[in-house]
Amino acid sequence: MIHFFKLIRLPNLLIIALVQYVMRWGIIFPILKVNDFELQFGELNFLFLVLSTVFLTAAGYIINDYFDAKTDLINRPDQLVVGRYIERRTAIILHTIFSILGVGLGIYISVFIKIYQLAIGYVLASGLLFYYSSTYKRQFLIGNFIAALLTATIPLLTVVYEIPLLNATYRNFLLENNTNFYQLFFWVLGFSYFAFLTTFLHEIVKDIRDYEGDSAFGRNSFPIVIGVFPTKIVIFVINILMLTSLGFVYFQYLKDSLSAIYLSIGFLLPLILFSYRILRANSKYDYQFANFILKILMFFGIGYAGVVYYTLIYSF
């Protein structure tokens, strides 16, 4: 059983579920509450949304390990599961089961809120995860972009399913007061934006760490195409972009002292440490440690929802 949990990355799946619930109760709920609105997407359907995301992600992890079995023998031999502890045929069966469950639940909740385009999105996402592992991951930058984009949709899905129901329930009020739920959308979009950038960085750092195995099997990863040092410079530039974005958001929209303290400790310091470590990195351990710093950054990113909740609920 432990190898199965390792295959589906159980801790990562729990974090994904946590992210979506944090978006619902730490961001969406308090913003609605201070404006005298109520959540419209029911708890059971929201659970189905979370499970669909988790199942599709698990399917993605499984098929990724299936196609990466040979390179993992070089890059991460101690973490190899498919072909060593779980048969390749079993992995394909598990991938199919999780994909069907994820797509099925996604279609159900999409039909429930009567936005059928979202149902098509789940089918496309399932296919994208498969082709990411089999093809796109080996191509220059495409795999990195897809992984970051899919990660960014995880928090965004929570508001995408909530707003149509809010619009339907409060339609008359919105028309009479010439208002909308854009504020709600942009708050969650901010979390998705930083999720995209941190995941993109994470993927590029992994490519540097896995340089040896990827090179042996002819992959066109970012560091193989442009070199390791230029890749570090790109990482540093993206880091500067994140810091600039953070400063813009704070001075333009936040400006409260609690956010200043939290963002300085939870974002500014880890980003500076990450930049320092990545520029000096020259071993797999160094790159693993750099990615560990990114995971801390992601944790603080999720935690900022608590600051939002406290600020909104106890300041109004």
Foldseek 3Di string as FASTA:
>chain_A
DVLLCLQLVVVVLVVLLLLQVLLVPLFVQLVQVLVVHHFDQDPVLSVLLSLLLSLLSSLLSLLLLLLCQQLCVPQPVVSRRDPPPHDSVRSVVSSVVSLCSNLVSQCVLCVVLPNNVSSVVSVVSSVCSNCLRVPVVLAEPRSLQNQLLSQLVSNLVSVVSGQSSRCVVCVVVCVVVVHGCVVSNVVSNVLSVVSSLLSSLLSLLVCVSSVVSSVVVVGDYHCVPVHLQVSLVVSLVSLVVVVVVVVCCCVPPNVDPVCVVLCCVLPVVLSVVLNVLSNPDDHSVSSVVSNVSSVSSNVSSSVVSNVSNCCSPVVD
